[in-house]
């Protein structure tokens, strides 16, 4: 049995969202958790991100002001029409 290559810090950051969502394959999850156990910087990033998500999940949605909503819709329509021309 060969040794499994460890995640780098960059790879961990690229896979963090999938890890936190529970969407990583078991082997990748194990490799990522092994990296977290050895890298205090990545552990802090992961832990802080996880706690931030937990805080925001508990908040009620904030309604978008009507002028912002209008500008957003206009920008999306403009972008959509440009994409249809390409």
N, C-alpha and C. Protein backbone atom coordinates (compact mmCIF):
# COMPACT_ATOMS: atom_id res chain seq x y z
N UNK A 1 0.84 -1.18 0.00
CA UNK A 1 0.00 0.00 0.00
C UNK A 1 0.89 1.24 0.00
N UNK A 2 0.72 2.16 -0.97
CA UNK A 2 1.53 3.37 -1.05
C UNK A 2 1.02 4.45 -0.12
N UNK A 3 1.84 5.46 0.04
CA UNK A 3 1.42 6.56 0.89
C UNK A 3 0.50 7.50 0.09
N UNK A 4 -0.47 8.04 0.77
CA UNK A 4 -1.40 8.97 0.13
C UNK A 4 -0.84 10.37 0.21
N UNK A 5 -0.85 11.06 -0.91
CA UNK A 5 -0.36 12.43 -0.96
C UNK A 5 -1.27 13.32 -0.13
N UNK A 6 -0.67 14.20 0.66
CA UNK A 6 -1.41 15.12 1.50
C UNK A 6 -1.89 16.33 0.71
N UNK A 7 -2.96 16.96 1.16
CA UNK A 7 -3.43 18.20 0.57
C UNK A 7 -2.42 19.30 0.84
N UNK A 8 -2.29 20.22 -0.09
CA UNK A 8 -1.53 21.45 0.16
C UNK A 8 -2.52 22.48 0.69
N UNK A 9 -2.00 23.59 1.22
CA UNK A 9 -2.88 24.65 1.71
C UNK A 9 -3.77 25.17 0.58
N UNK A 10 -3.21 25.36 -0.60
CA UNK A 10 -3.96 25.85 -1.75
C UNK A 10 -5.08 24.89 -2.13
N UNK A 11 -4.79 23.60 -2.14
CA UNK A 11 -5.81 22.60 -2.47
C UNK A 11 -6.92 22.60 -1.42
N UNK A 12 -6.53 22.75 -0.16
CA UNK A 12 -7.52 22.78 0.90
C UNK A 12 -8.50 23.94 0.68
N UNK A 13 -7.97 25.11 0.38
CA UNK A 13 -8.83 26.27 0.14
C UNK A 13 -9.76 26.05 -1.04
N UNK A 14 -9.27 25.36 -2.08
CA UNK A 14 -10.09 25.09 -3.26
C UNK A 14 -11.22 24.11 -2.94
N UNK A 15 -11.01 23.23 -1.97
CA UNK A 15 -12.00 22.20 -1.64
C UNK A 15 -12.81 22.52 -0.39
N UNK A 16 -12.55 23.65 0.25
CA UNK A 16 -13.17 23.96 1.53
C UNK A 16 -14.69 23.99 1.46
N UNK A 17 -15.26 24.61 0.45
CA UNK A 17 -16.72 24.69 0.33
C UNK A 17 -17.33 23.29 0.24
N UNK A 18 -16.75 22.43 -0.59
CA UNK A 18 -17.27 21.07 -0.72
C UNK A 18 -17.11 20.30 0.59
N UNK A 19 -16.01 20.52 1.29
CA UNK A 19 -15.79 19.88 2.59
C UNK A 19 -16.88 20.29 3.57
N UNK A 20 -17.11 21.59 3.68
CA UNK A 20 -18.10 22.08 4.63
C UNK A 20 -19.52 21.67 4.25
N UNK A 21 -19.77 21.48 2.96
CA UNK A 21 -21.08 21.02 2.49
C UNK A 21 -21.24 19.50 2.60
N UNK A 22 -20.17 18.80 2.94
CA UNK A 22 -20.22 17.34 3.02
C UNK A 22 -20.21 16.68 1.66
N UNK A 23 -19.68 17.38 0.64
CA UNK A 23 -19.73 16.89 -0.73
C UNK A 23 -18.41 16.26 -1.21
N UNK A 24 -17.40 16.20 -0.34
CA UNK A 24 -16.12 15.59 -0.75
C UNK A 24 -16.21 14.07 -0.70
N UNK A 25 -15.49 13.44 -1.60
CA UNK A 25 -15.38 11.99 -1.56
C UNK A 25 -14.69 11.60 -0.25
N UNK A 26 -15.00 10.44 0.30
CA UNK A 26 -14.41 10.03 1.59
C UNK A 26 -12.88 10.09 1.63
N UNK A 27 -12.22 9.67 0.55
CA UNK A 27 -10.75 9.69 0.53
C UNK A 27 -10.23 11.13 0.60
N UNK A 28 -10.85 12.03 -0.16
CA UNK A 28 -10.44 13.43 -0.14
C UNK A 28 -10.73 14.07 1.22
N UNK A 29 -11.86 13.71 1.81
CA UNK A 29 -12.21 14.22 3.14
C UNK A 29 -11.14 13.81 4.16
N UNK A 30 -10.71 12.57 4.09
CA UNK A 30 -9.68 12.07 5.00
C UNK A 30 -8.37 12.82 4.80
N UNK A 31 -8.00 13.04 3.54
CA UNK A 31 -6.76 13.77 3.24
C UNK A 31 -6.85 15.21 3.73
N UNK A 32 -8.01 15.85 3.51
CA UNK A 32 -8.19 17.23 3.94
C UNK A 32 -8.13 17.32 5.46
N UNK A 33 -8.78 16.42 6.15
CA UNK A 33 -8.76 16.43 7.62
C UNK A 33 -7.36 16.15 8.17
N UNK A 34 -6.59 15.34 7.47
CA UNK A 34 -5.20 15.10 7.88
C UNK A 34 -4.40 16.38 7.76
N UNK A 35 -4.64 17.15 6.71
CA UNK A 35 -3.96 18.43 6.55
C UNK A 35 -4.36 19.39 7.66
N UNK A 36 -5.67 19.45 7.96
CA UNK A 36 -6.15 20.34 9.02
C UNK A 36 -5.50 20.01 10.37
N UNK A 37 -5.28 18.73 10.62
CA UNK A 37 -4.68 18.31 11.88
C UNK A 37 -3.23 18.77 12.02
N UNK A 38 -2.58 19.02 10.88
CA UNK A 38 -1.15 19.38 10.90
C UNK A 38 -0.89 20.86 10.61
N UNK A 39 -1.89 21.58 10.10
CA UNK A 39 -1.68 22.96 9.65
C UNK A 39 -2.59 23.91 10.44
N UNK A 40 -2.03 24.59 11.43
CA UNK A 40 -2.87 25.47 12.25
C UNK A 40 -3.50 26.62 11.46
N UNK A 41 -2.82 27.12 10.44
CA UNK A 41 -3.39 28.21 9.65
C UNK A 41 -4.65 27.76 8.91
N UNK A 42 -4.58 26.61 8.28
CA UNK A 42 -5.76 26.10 7.56
C UNK A 42 -6.87 25.72 8.53
N UNK A 43 -6.50 25.21 9.70
CA UNK A 43 -7.51 24.87 10.70
C UNK A 43 -8.28 26.12 11.10
N UNK A 44 -7.58 27.24 11.32
CA UNK A 44 -8.24 28.49 11.69
C UNK A 44 -9.18 28.96 10.58
N UNK A 45 -8.72 28.90 9.34
CA UNK A 45 -9.55 29.31 8.21
C UNK A 45 -10.81 28.44 8.15
N UNK A 46 -10.65 27.14 8.27
CA UNK A 46 -11.78 26.22 8.20
C UNK A 46 -12.74 26.45 9.37
N UNK A 47 -12.21 26.54 10.56
CA UNK A 47 -13.05 26.72 11.75
C UNK A 47 -13.80 28.05 11.70
N UNK A 48 -13.12 29.11 11.30
CA UNK A 48 -13.76 30.43 11.22
C UNK A 48 -14.86 30.43 10.16
N UNK A 49 -14.59 29.81 9.02
CA UNK A 49 -15.59 29.73 7.95
C UNK A 49 -16.80 28.94 8.42
N UNK A 50 -16.56 27.82 9.07
CA UNK A 50 -17.64 26.98 9.58
C UNK A 50 -18.50 27.76 10.59
N UNK A 51 -17.87 28.48 11.50
CA UNK A 51 -18.61 29.25 12.51
C UNK A 51 -19.37 30.40 11.87
N UNK A 52 -18.79 31.04 10.87
CA UNK A 52 -19.47 32.13 10.17
C UNK A 52 -20.73 31.62 9.48
N UNK A 53 -20.64 30.48 8.85
CA UNK A 53 -21.80 29.88 8.19
C UNK A 53 -22.89 29.57 9.22
N UNK A 54 -22.50 29.03 10.35
CA UNK A 54 -23.47 28.71 11.40
C UNK A 54 -24.19 29.96 11.90
N UNK A 55 -23.44 31.06 12.07
CA UNK A 55 -24.05 32.31 12.52
C UNK A 55 -25.05 32.81 11.49
N UNK A 56 -24.66 32.83 10.21
CA UNK A 56 -25.54 33.35 9.17
C UNK A 56 -26.75 32.47 8.92
N UNK A 57 -26.63 31.18 9.17
CA UNK A 57 -27.79 30.28 9.01
C UNK A 57 -28.88 30.63 10.00
N UNK A 58 -28.49 31.17 11.16
CA UNK A 58 -29.46 31.48 12.19
C UNK A 58 -30.12 32.83 12.02
N UNK A 59 -29.71 33.62 11.06
CA UNK A 59 -30.28 34.95 10.87
C UNK A 59 -31.43 34.94 9.87
N UNK A 60 -32.38 35.83 10.10
CA UNK A 60 -33.48 35.99 9.14
C UNK A 60 -32.95 36.74 7.93
N UNK A 61 -33.47 36.44 6.75
CA UNK A 61 -33.02 37.16 5.55
C UNK A 61 -33.34 38.65 5.67
N UNK A 62 -32.45 39.47 5.17
CA UNK A 62 -32.66 40.91 5.17
C UNK A 62 -33.22 41.30 3.81
N UNK A 63 -34.37 41.99 3.81
CA UNK A 63 -34.96 42.34 2.51
C UNK A 63 -34.09 43.31 1.73
N UNK A 64 -34.01 43.08 0.45
CA UNK A 64 -33.22 43.92 -0.45
C UNK A 64 -33.99 45.21 -0.70
N UNK A 65 -33.36 46.38 -0.50
CA UNK A 65 -34.06 47.64 -0.79
C UNK A 65 -34.52 47.67 -2.25
N UNK A 66 -35.66 48.28 -2.47
CA UNK A 66 -36.28 48.27 -3.81
C UNK A 66 -35.38 48.87 -4.88
N UNK A 67 -34.65 49.96 -4.57
CA UNK A 67 -33.78 50.57 -5.59
C UNK A 67 -32.62 49.65 -5.95
N UNK A 68 -32.10 48.93 -4.96
CA UNK A 68 -31.02 47.98 -5.23
C UNK A 68 -31.55 46.81 -6.06
N UNK A 69 -32.73 46.35 -5.72
CA UNK A 69 -33.34 45.24 -6.47
C UNK A 69 -33.56 45.64 -7.93
N UNK A 70 -34.04 46.86 -8.15
CA UNK A 70 -34.27 47.34 -9.53
C UNK A 70 -32.97 47.40 -10.32
N UNK A 71 -31.93 47.96 -9.69
CA UNK A 71 -30.63 48.06 -10.39
C UNK A 71 -30.05 46.68 -10.68
N UNK A 72 -30.21 45.77 -9.74
CA UNK A 72 -29.72 44.40 -9.94
C UNK A 72 -30.45 43.73 -11.10
N UNK A 73 -31.77 43.87 -11.13
CA UNK A 73 -32.54 43.25 -12.21
C UNK A 73 -32.17 43.83 -13.56
N UNK A 74 -31.97 45.15 -13.62
CA UNK A 74 -31.57 45.78 -14.89
C UNK A 74 -30.20 45.28 -15.33
N UNK A 75 -29.26 45.16 -14.40
CA UNK A 75 -27.93 44.67 -14.74
C UNK A 75 -27.99 43.23 -15.23
N UNK A 76 -28.81 42.40 -14.58
CA UNK A 76 -28.94 41.00 -15.00
C UNK A 76 -29.57 40.91 -16.39
N UNK A 77 -30.58 41.73 -16.65
CA UNK A 77 -31.21 41.72 -17.97
C UNK A 77 -30.24 42.16 -19.05
N UNK A 78 -29.44 43.19 -18.75
CA UNK A 78 -28.47 43.69 -19.71
C UNK A 78 -27.43 42.60 -20.01
N UNK A 79 -26.97 41.95 -18.95
CA UNK A 79 -25.98 40.88 -19.14
C UNK A 79 -26.56 39.71 -19.92
N UNK A 80 -27.80 39.37 -19.60
CA UNK A 80 -28.47 38.26 -20.28
C UNK A 80 -28.65 38.55 -21.77
N UNK A 81 -29.01 39.77 -22.10
CA UNK A 81 -29.21 40.11 -23.51
C UNK A 81 -27.89 40.10 -24.27
N UNK A 82 -26.79 40.52 -23.60
CA UNK A 82 -25.47 40.47 -24.25
C UNK A 82 -25.02 39.03 -24.46
N UNK A 83 -25.33 38.15 -23.51
CA UNK A 83 -24.94 36.75 -23.63
C UNK A 83 -25.69 36.08 -24.78
N UNK A 84 -26.93 36.50 -25.00
CA UNK A 84 -27.73 35.93 -26.08
C UNK A 84 -27.27 36.35 -27.46
N UNK A 85 -26.51 37.43 -27.52
CA UNK A 85 -26.02 37.93 -28.81
C UNK A 85 -24.74 37.22 -29.26
N UNK A 86 -24.03 36.60 -28.30
CA UNK A 86 -22.72 36.05 -28.59
C UNK A 86 -22.73 34.81 -29.32
